[in-house]
């Protein structure tokens, strides 16, 4: 069973890789097993997924660096609202 144990650092790396479809099946299995004992990493993954979803539905598909201050504030508020629902 120790071959399935990963650290929180490894879990966040796998989470990030899975967002881009780069995680292997074995990595995803290890990540799911890690979630059974680590709710912090599970929350990190939910928030990471949410942030990616928000960024991908950004009006016009513009990058964050080219967003106005108002758009950034709107995105920050939306993230906080959605993140609160996850907890």
PDB file of N, CA and C in Angstrom:
ATOM      1  N   UNK A   1       0.822  -1.201   0.000  1.00  0.00           N
ATOM      2  CA  UNK A   1       0.000   0.000   0.000  1.00  0.00           C
ATOM      3  C   UNK A   1       0.858   1.254   0.000  1.00  0.00           C
ATOM      4  N   UNK A   2       2.104   1.168   0.468  1.00  0.00           N
ATOM      5  CA  UNK A   2       2.956   2.351   0.525  1.00  0.00           C
ATOM      6  C   UNK A   2       3.286   2.887  -0.866  1.00  0.00           C
ATOM      7  N   UNK A   3       3.200   2.048  -1.883  1.00  0.00           N
ATOM      8  CA  UNK A   3       3.475   2.542  -3.230  1.00  0.00           C
ATOM      9  C   UNK A   3       2.357   3.463  -3.730  1.00  0.00           C
ATOM     10  N   UNK A   4       1.229   3.481  -3.026  1.00  0.00           N
ATOM     11  CA  UNK A   4       0.128   4.366  -3.385  1.00  0.00           C
ATOM     12  C   UNK A   4       0.115   5.646  -2.556  1.00  0.00           C
ATOM     13  N   UNK A   5       0.988   5.721  -1.547  1.00  0.00           N
ATOM     14  CA  UNK A   5       1.039   6.911  -0.696  1.00  0.00           C
ATOM     15  C   UNK A   5       1.838   8.008  -1.382  1.00  0.00           C
ATOM     16  N   UNK A   6       1.294   9.217  -1.333  1.00  0.00           N
ATOM     17  CA  UNK A   6       1.991  10.374  -1.878  1.00  0.00           C
ATOM     18  C   UNK A   6       1.902  11.518  -0.872  1.00  0.00           C
ATOM     19  N   UNK A   7       2.805  12.466  -1.003  1.00  0.00           N
ATOM     20  CA  UNK A   7       2.788  13.638  -0.131  1.00  0.00           C
ATOM     21  C   UNK A   7       1.795  14.659  -0.684  1.00  0.00           C
ATOM     22  N   UNK A   8       1.501  15.656   0.124  1.00  0.00           N
ATOM     23  CA  UNK A   8       0.614  16.724  -0.329  1.00  0.00           C
ATOM     24  C   UNK A   8       1.235  17.483  -1.506  1.00  0.00           C
ATOM     25  N   UNK A   9       2.539  17.641  -1.485  1.00  0.00           N
ATOM     26  CA  UNK A   9       3.227  18.312  -2.589  1.00  0.00           C
ATOM     27  C   UNK A   9       3.052  17.524  -3.880  1.00  0.00           C
ATOM     28  N   UNK A  10       3.205  16.218  -3.793  1.00  0.00           N
ATOM     29  CA  UNK A  10       2.999  15.367  -4.969  1.00  0.00           C
ATOM     30  C   UNK A  10       1.545  15.431  -5.427  1.00  0.00           C
ATOM     31  N   UNK A  11       0.622  15.489  -4.470  1.00  0.00           N
ATOM     32  CA  UNK A  11      -0.805  15.542  -4.800  1.00  0.00           C
ATOM     33  C   UNK A  11      -1.147  16.813  -5.577  1.00  0.00           C
ATOM     34  N   UNK A  12      -0.603  17.946  -5.148  1.00  0.00           N
ATOM     35  CA  UNK A  12      -0.896  19.192  -5.867  1.00  0.00           C
ATOM     36  C   UNK A  12      -0.275  19.176  -7.266  1.00  0.00           C
ATOM     37  N   UNK A  13       0.889  18.566  -7.388  1.00  0.00           N
ATOM     38  CA  UNK A  13       1.523  18.459  -8.704  1.00  0.00           C
ATOM     39  C   UNK A  13       0.670  17.604  -9.628  1.00  0.00           C
ATOM     40  N   UNK A  14       0.178  16.484  -9.124  1.00  0.00           N
ATOM     41  CA  UNK A  14      -0.675  15.602  -9.924  1.00  0.00           C
ATOM     42  C   UNK A  14      -1.972  16.323 -10.277  1.00  0.00           C
ATOM     43  N   UNK A  15      -2.514  17.066  -9.324  1.00  0.00           N
ATOM     44  CA  UNK A  15      -3.732  17.842  -9.578  1.00  0.00           C
ATOM     45  C   UNK A  15      -3.512  18.798 -10.741  1.00  0.00           C
ATOM     46  N   UNK A  16      -2.412  19.523 -10.693  1.00  0.00           N
ATOM     47  CA  UNK A  16      -2.105  20.475 -11.756  1.00  0.00           C
ATOM     48  C   UNK A  16      -1.918  19.768 -13.098  1.00  0.00           C
ATOM     49  N   UNK A  17      -1.239  18.628 -13.079  1.00  0.00           N
ATOM     50  CA  UNK A  17      -1.031  17.866 -14.303  1.00  0.00           C
ATOM     51  C   UNK A  17      -2.368  17.374 -14.877  1.00  0.00           C
ATOM     52  N   UNK A  18      -3.263  16.944 -13.988  1.00  0.00           N
ATOM     53  CA  UNK A  18      -4.538  16.410 -14.459  1.00  0.00           C
ATOM     54  C   UNK A  18      -5.406  17.498 -15.087  1.00  0.00           C
ATOM     55  N   UNK A  19      -5.217  18.746 -14.654  1.00  0.00           N
ATOM     56  CA  UNK A  19      -5.956  19.867 -15.248  1.00  0.00           C
ATOM     57  C   UNK A  19      -5.653  19.997 -16.742  1.00  0.00           C
ATOM     58  N   UNK A  20      -4.454  19.592 -17.135  1.00  0.00           N
ATOM     59  CA  UNK A  20      -4.026  19.690 -18.527  1.00  0.00           C
ATOM     60  C   UNK A  20      -4.004  18.339 -19.226  1.00  0.00           C
ATOM     61  N   UNK A  21      -4.573  17.325 -18.577  1.00  0.00           N
ATOM     62  CA  UNK A  21      -4.646  16.002 -19.176  1.00  0.00           C
ATOM     63  C   UNK A  21      -3.306  15.293 -19.264  1.00  0.00           C
ATOM     64  N   UNK A  22      -2.376  15.646 -18.393  1.00  0.00           N
ATOM     65  CA  UNK A  22      -1.023  15.080 -18.438  1.00  0.00           C
ATOM     66  C   UNK A  22      -0.765  14.042 -17.343  1.00  0.00           C
ATOM     67  N   UNK A  23      -1.714  13.823 -16.458  1.00  0.00           N
ATOM     68  CA  UNK A  23      -1.532  12.855 -15.374  1.00  0.00           C
ATOM     69  C   UNK A  23      -1.834  11.447 -15.881  1.00  0.00           C
ATOM     70  N   UNK A  24      -1.041  10.502 -15.399  1.00  0.00           N
ATOM     71  CA  UNK A  24      -1.258   9.104 -15.776  1.00  0.00           C
ATOM     72  C   UNK A  24      -2.394   8.521 -14.935  1.00  0.00           C
ATOM     73  N   UNK A  25      -2.882   7.372 -15.354  1.00  0.00           N
ATOM     74  CA  UNK A  25      -3.935   6.681 -14.600  1.00  0.00           C
ATOM     75  C   UNK A  25      -3.439   6.366 -13.186  1.00  0.00           C
ATOM     76  N   UNK A  26      -2.203   5.901 -13.071  1.00  0.00           N
ATOM     77  CA  UNK A  26      -1.645   5.561 -11.758  1.00  0.00           C
ATOM     78  C   UNK A  26      -1.567   6.804 -10.871  1.00  0.00           C
ATOM     79  N   UNK A  27      -1.177   7.943 -11.437  1.00  0.00           N
ATOM     80  CA  UNK A  27      -1.112   9.174 -10.653  1.00  0.00           C
ATOM     81  C   UNK A  27      -2.503   9.582 -10.160  1.00  0.00           C
ATOM     82  N   UNK A  28      -3.483   9.441 -11.013  1.00  0.00           N
ATOM     83  CA  UNK A  28      -4.856   9.801 -10.629  1.00  0.00           C
ATOM     84  C   UNK A  28      -5.354   8.877  -9.524  1.00  0.00           C
ATOM     85  N   UNK A  29      -5.033   7.594  -9.607  1.00  0.00           N
ATOM     86  CA  UNK A  29      -5.422   6.649  -8.552  1.00  0.00           C
ATOM     87  C   UNK A  29      -4.760   7.044  -7.235  1.00  0.00           C
ATOM     88  N   UNK A  30      -3.464   7.354  -7.277  1.00  0.00           N
ATOM     89  CA  UNK A  30      -2.751   7.786  -6.064  1.00  0.00           C
ATOM     90  C   UNK A  30      -3.376   9.055  -5.493  1.00  0.00           C
ATOM     91  N   UNK A  31      -3.761   9.970  -6.371  1.00  0.00           N
ATOM     92  CA  UNK A  31      -4.381  11.214  -5.928  1.00  0.00           C
ATOM     93  C   UNK A  31      -5.715  10.937  -5.233  1.00  0.00           C
ATOM     94  N   UNK A  32      -6.519  10.081  -5.810  1.00  0.00           N
ATOM     95  CA  UNK A  32      -7.829   9.743  -5.213  1.00  0.00           C
ATOM     96  C   UNK A  32      -7.652   9.076  -3.846  1.00  0.00           C
ATOM     97  N   UNK A  33      -6.664   8.218  -3.726  1.00  0.00           N
ATOM     98  CA  UNK A  33      -6.385   7.573  -2.440  1.00  0.00           C
ATOM     99  C   UNK A  33      -5.924   8.617  -1.435  1.00  0.00           C
ATOM    100  N   UNK A  34      -5.107   9.555  -1.879  1.00  0.00           N
ATOM    101  CA  UNK A  34      -4.629  10.625  -1.000  1.00  0.00           C
ATOM    102  C   UNK A  34      -5.800  11.453  -0.473  1.00  0.00           C
ATOM    103  N   UNK A  35      -6.804  11.695  -1.318  1.00  0.00           N
ATOM    104  CA  UNK A  35      -7.972  12.478  -0.915  1.00  0.00           C
ATOM    105  C   UNK A  35      -8.730  11.832   0.238  1.00  0.00           C
ATOM    106  N   UNK A  36      -8.659  10.512   0.352  1.00  0.00           N
ATOM    107  CA  UNK A  36      -9.375   9.826   1.432  1.00  0.00           C
ATOM    108  C   UNK A  36      -8.883  10.278   2.802  1.00  0.00           C
ATOM    109  N   UNK A  37      -7.619  10.640   2.892  1.00  0.00           N
ATOM    110  CA  UNK A  37      -7.053  11.057   4.171  1.00  0.00           C
ATOM    111  C   UNK A  37      -6.691  12.516   4.257  1.00  0.00           C
ATOM    112  N   UNK A  38      -6.824  13.252   3.157  1.00  0.00           N
ATOM    113  CA  UNK A  38      -6.396  14.650   3.158  1.00  0.00           C
ATOM    114  C   UNK A  38      -7.467  15.530   2.520  1.00  0.00           C
ATOM    115  N   UNK A  39      -8.268  16.119   3.346  1.00  0.00           N
ATOM    116  CA  UNK A  39      -9.343  16.983   2.854  1.00  0.00           C
ATOM    117  C   UNK A  39      -8.811  18.308   2.334  1.00  0.00           C
ATOM    118  N   UNK A  40      -7.639  18.725   2.787  1.00  0.00           N
ATOM    119  CA  UNK A  40      -7.048  19.979   2.314  1.00  0.00           C
ATOM    120  C   UNK A  40      -6.691  19.857   0.833  1.00  0.00           C
ATOM    121  N   UNK A  41      -6.084  18.757   0.464  1.00  0.00           N
ATOM    122  CA  UNK A  41      -5.737  18.550  -0.945  1.00  0.00           C
ATOM    123  C   UNK A  41      -6.992  18.378  -1.803  1.00  0.00           C
ATOM    124  N   UNK A  42      -7.997  17.747  -1.258  1.00  0.00           N
ATOM    125  CA  UNK A  42      -9.253  17.600  -1.993  1.00  0.00           C
ATOM    126  C   UNK A  42      -9.863  18.978  -2.250  1.00  0.00           C
ATOM    127  N   UNK A  43      -9.817  19.856  -1.249  1.00  0.00           N
ATOM    128  CA  UNK A  43     -10.334  21.213  -1.412  1.00  0.00           C
ATOM    129  C   UNK A  43      -9.481  21.991  -2.414  1.00  0.00           C
ATOM    130  N   UNK A  44      -8.168  21.832  -2.343  1.00  0.00           N
ATOM    131  CA  UNK A  44      -7.262  22.490  -3.293  1.00  0.00           C
ATOM    132  C   UNK A  44      -7.653  22.105  -4.722  1.00  0.00           C
ATOM    133  N   UNK A  45      -7.904  20.826  -4.940  1.00  0.00           N
ATOM    134  CA  UNK A  45      -8.256  20.354  -6.272  1.00  0.00           C
ATOM    135  C   UNK A  45      -9.581  20.945  -6.730  1.00  0.00           C
ATOM    136  N   UNK A  46     -10.557  21.002  -5.839  1.00  0.00           N
ATOM    137  CA  UNK A  46     -11.851  21.602  -6.196  1.00  0.00           C
ATOM    138  C   UNK A  46     -11.683  23.073  -6.557  1.00  0.00           C
ATOM    139  N   UNK A  47     -10.894  23.797  -5.757  1.00  0.00           N
ATOM    140  CA  UNK A  47     -10.676  25.214  -6.024  1.00  0.00           C
ATOM    141  C   UNK A  47      -9.879  25.417  -7.313  1.00  0.00           C
ATOM    142  N   UNK A  48      -8.910  24.564  -7.560  1.00  0.00           N
ATOM    143  CA  UNK A  48      -8.109  24.643  -8.779  1.00  0.00           C
ATOM    144  C   UNK A  48      -8.983  24.412 -10.007  1.00  0.00           C
ATOM    145  N   UNK A  49      -9.859  23.429  -9.921  1.00  0.00           N
ATOM    146  CA  UNK A  49     -10.782  23.140 -11.008  1.00  0.00           C
ATOM    147  C   UNK A  49     -11.723  24.312 -11.242  1.00  0.00           C
ATOM    148  N   UNK A  50     -12.228  24.875 -10.155  1.00  0.00           N
ATOM    149  CA  UNK A  50     -13.126  26.019 -10.243  1.00  0.00           C
ATOM    150  C   UNK A  50     -12.432  27.209 -10.891  1.00  0.00           C
ATOM    151  N   UNK A  51     -11.215  27.498 -10.464  1.00  0.00           N
ATOM    152  CA  UNK A  51     -10.467  28.619 -11.028  1.00  0.00           C
ATOM    153  C   UNK A  51     -10.221  28.409 -12.520  1.00  0.00           C
ATOM    154  N   UNK A  52      -9.867  27.201 -12.906  1.00  0.00           N
ATOM    155  CA  UNK A  52      -9.664  26.903 -14.323  1.00  0.00           C
ATOM    156  C   UNK A  52     -10.954  27.110 -15.104  1.00  0.00           C
ATOM    157  N   UNK A  53     -12.057  26.681 -14.530  1.00  0.00           N
ATOM    158  CA  UNK A  53     -13.360  26.841 -15.184  1.00  0.00           C
ATOM    159  C   UNK A  53     -13.691  28.321 -15.358  1.00  0.00           C
ATOM    160  N   UNK A  54     -13.461  29.112 -14.320  1.00  0.00           N
ATOM    161  CA  UNK A  54     -13.735  30.548 -14.394  1.00  0.00           C
ATOM    162  C   UNK A  54     -12.859  31.208 -15.456  1.00  0.00           C
ATOM    163  N   UNK A  55     -11.591  30.856 -15.468  1.00  0.00           N
ATOM    164  CA  UNK A  55     -10.671  31.451 -16.437  1.00  0.00           C
ATOM    165  C   UNK A  55     -11.029  31.062 -17.866  1.00  0.00           C
ATOM    166  N   UNK A  56     -11.479  29.832 -18.046  1.00  0.00           N
ATOM    167  CA  UNK A  56     -11.829  29.367 -19.392  1.00  0.00           C
ATOM    168  C   UNK A  56     -13.133  29.957 -19.895  1.00  0.00           C
ATOM    169  N   UNK A  57     -13.988  30.467 -18.997  1.00  0.00           N
ATOM    170  CA  UNK A  57     -15.253  31.076 -19.411  1.00  0.00           C
ATOM    171  C   UNK A  57     -15.165  32.594 -19.385  1.00  0.00           C
ATOM    172  N   UNK A  58     -13.945  33.112 -19.264  1.00  0.00           N
ATOM    173  CA  UNK A  58     -13.726  34.555 -19.265  1.00  0.00           C
ATOM    174  C   UNK A  58     -14.239  35.148 -20.573  1.00  0.00           C
ATOM    175  N   UNK A  59     -14.956  36.252 -20.472  1.00  0.00           N
ATOM    176  CA  UNK A  59     -15.519  36.914 -21.649  1.00  0.00           C
ATOM    177  C   UNK A  59     -14.423  37.220 -22.663  1.00  0.00           C
ATOM    178  N   UNK A  60     -14.630  36.819 -23.875  1.00  0.00           N
ATOM    179  CA  UNK A  60     -13.696  37.108 -24.945  1.00  0.00           C
ATOM    180  C   UNK A  60     -12.446  36.262 -24.925  1.00  0.00           C
ATOM    181  N   UNK A  61     -12.270  35.434 -23.895  1.00  0.00           N
ATOM    182  CA  UNK A  61     -11.106  34.571 -23.821  1.00  0.00           C
ATOM    183  C   UNK A  61      -9.802  35.305 -23.579  1.00  0.00           C
ATOM    184  N   UNK A  62      -9.884  36.555 -23.100  1.00  0.00           N
ATOM    185  CA  UNK A  62      -8.651  37.315 -22.889  1.00  0.00           C
ATOM    186  C   UNK A  62      -7.902  36.796 -21.672  1.00  0.00           C
ATOM    187  N   UNK A  63      -6.609  37.009 -21.666  1.00  0.00           N
ATOM    188  CA  UNK A  63      -5.768  36.568 -20.550  1.00  0.00           C
ATOM    189  C   UNK A  63      -5.963  37.491 -19.358  1.00  0.00           C
ATOM    190  N   UNK A  64      -5.669  36.982 -18.169  1.00  0.00           N
ATOM    191  CA  UNK A  64      -5.831  37.765 -16.954  1.00  0.00           C
ATOM    192  C   UNK A  64      -5.026  39.054 -17.007  1.00  0.00           C
ATOM    193  N   UNK A  65      -3.824  39.000 -17.528  1.00  0.00           N
ATOM    194  CA  UNK A  65      -2.978  40.189 -17.532  1.00  0.00           C
ATOM    195  C   UNK A  65      -3.567  41.305 -18.378  1.00  0.00           C
ATOM    196  N   UNK A  66      -4.485  41.001 -19.273  1.00  0.00           N
ATOM    197  CA  UNK A  66      -5.084  42.033 -20.098  1.00  0.00           C
ATOM    198  C   UNK A  66      -6.484  42.413 -19.636  1.00  0.00           C
ATOM    199  N   UNK A  67      -6.877  41.918 -18.481  1.00  0.00           N
ATOM    200  CA  UNK A  67      -8.186  42.245 -17.941  1.00  0.00           C
ATOM    201  C   UNK A  67      -8.147  43.580 -17.222  1.00  0.00           C
ATOM    202  N   UNK A  68      -9.278  44.265 -17.240  1.00  0.00           N
ATOM    203  CA  UNK A  68      -9.372  45.521 -16.509  1.00  0.00           C
ATOM    204  C   UNK A  68      -9.444  45.225 -15.016  1.00  0.00           C
ATOM    205  N   UNK A  69      -9.233  46.227 -14.204  1.00  0.00           N
ATOM    206  CA  UNK A  69      -9.309  46.063 -12.746  1.00  0.00           C
ATOM    207  C   UNK A  69     -10.705  45.607 -12.339  1.00  0.00           C
ATOM    208  N   UNK A  70     -11.725  46.118 -13.019  1.00  0.00           N
ATOM    209  CA  UNK A  70     -13.112  45.736 -12.700  1.00  0.00           C
ATOM    210  C   UNK A  70     -13.360  44.264 -13.009  1.00  0.00           C
ATOM    211  N   UNK A  71     -12.832  43.801 -14.152  1.00  0.00           N
ATOM    212  CA  UNK A  71     -12.991  42.390 -14.519  1.00  0.00           C
ATOM    213  C   UNK A  71     -12.268  41.484 -13.527  1.00  0.00           C
ATOM    214  N   UNK A  72     -11.076  41.892 -13.101  1.00  0.00           N
ATOM    215  CA  UNK A  72     -10.332  41.109 -12.116  1.00  0.00           C
ATOM    216  C   UNK A  72     -11.090  41.039 -10.797  1.00  0.00           C
ATOM    217  N   UNK A  73     -11.659  42.159 -10.374  1.00  0.00           N
ATOM    218  CA  UNK A  73     -12.424  42.188  -9.116  1.00  0.00           C
ATOM    219  C   UNK A  73     -13.664  41.311  -9.233  1.00  0.00           C
ATOM    220  N   UNK A  74     -14.341  41.371 -10.375  1.00  0.00           N
ATOM    221  CA  UNK A  74     -15.517  40.530 -10.602  1.00  0.00           C
ATOM    222  C   UNK A  74     -15.137  39.047 -10.538  1.00  0.00           C
ATOM    223  N   UNK A  75     -14.007  38.698 -11.145  1.00  0.00           N
ATOM    224  CA  UNK A  75     -13.537  37.316 -11.126  1.00  0.00           C
ATOM    225  C   UNK A  75     -13.175  36.892  -9.709  1.00  0.00           C
ATOM    226  N   UNK A  76     -12.520  37.766  -8.945  1.00  0.00           N
ATOM    227  CA  UNK A  76     -12.150  37.460  -7.568  1.00  0.00           C
ATOM    228  C   UNK A  76     -13.391  37.188  -6.732  1.00  0.00           C
ATOM    229  N   UNK A  77     -14.420  38.025  -6.872  1.00  0.00           N
ATOM    230  CA  UNK A  77     -15.667  37.844  -6.119  1.00  0.00           C
ATOM    231  C   UNK A  77     -16.354  36.538  -6.505  1.00  0.00           C
ATOM    232  N   UNK A  78     -16.388  36.256  -7.800  1.00  0.00           N
ATOM    233  CA  UNK A  78     -17.020  35.018  -8.265  1.00  0.00           C
ATOM    234  C   UNK A  78     -16.295  33.801  -7.715  1.00  0.00           C
ATOM    235  N   UNK A  79     -14.954  33.855  -7.715  1.00  0.00           N
ATOM    236  CA  UNK A  79     -14.179  32.748  -7.179  1.00  0.00           C
ATOM    237  C   UNK A  79     -14.475  32.553  -5.700  1.00  0.00           C
ATOM    238  N   UNK A  80     -14.535  33.646  -4.937  1.00  0.00           N
ATOM    239  CA  UNK A  80     -14.798  33.543  -3.501  1.00  0.00           C
ATOM    240  C   UNK A  80     -16.182  32.952  -3.256  1.00  0.00           C
ATOM    241  N   UNK A  81     -17.177  33.385  -4.017  1.00  0.00           N
ATOM    242  CA  UNK A  81     -18.538  32.864  -3.859  1.00  0.00           C
ATOM    243  C   UNK A  81     -18.599  31.370  -4.162  1.00  0.00           C
ATOM    244  N   UNK A  82     -18.021  30.985  -5.284  1.00  0.00           N
ATOM    245  CA  UNK A  82     -18.039  29.584  -5.678  1.00  0.00           C
ATOM    246  C   UNK A  82     -17.197  28.725  -4.729  1.00  0.00           C
ATOM    247  N   UNK A  83     -16.081  29.265  -4.280  1.00  0.00           N
ATOM    248  CA  UNK A  83     -15.215  28.537  -3.365  1.00  0.00           C
ATOM    249  C   UNK A  83     -15.911  28.292  -2.028  1.00  0.00           C
ATOM    250  N   UNK A  84     -16.698  29.259  -1.575  1.00  0.00           N
ATOM    251  CA  UNK A  84     -17.438  29.109  -0.323  1.00  0.00           C
ATOM    252  C   UNK A  84     -18.439  27.953  -0.417  1.00  0.00           C
ATOM    253  N   UNK A  85     -18.980  27.736  -1.590  1.00  0.00           N
ATOM    254  CA  UNK A  85     -19.926  26.631  -1.786  1.00  0.00           C
ATOM    255  C   UNK A  85     -19.242  25.268  -1.659  1.00  0.00           C
ATOM    256  N   UNK A  86     -17.934  25.209  -1.958  1.00  0.00           N
ATOM    257  CA  UNK A  86     -17.198  23.942  -1.927  1.00  0.00           C
ATOM    258  C   UNK A  86     -16.887  23.491  -0.509  1.00  0.00           C
ATOM    259  N   UNK A  87     -16.857  24.424   0.428  1.00  0.00           N
ATOM    260  CA  UNK A  87     -16.427  24.093   1.781  1.00  0.00           C
ATOM    261  C   UNK A  87     -17.531  23.639   2.649  1.00  0.00           C
TER     262      UNK A  87
END
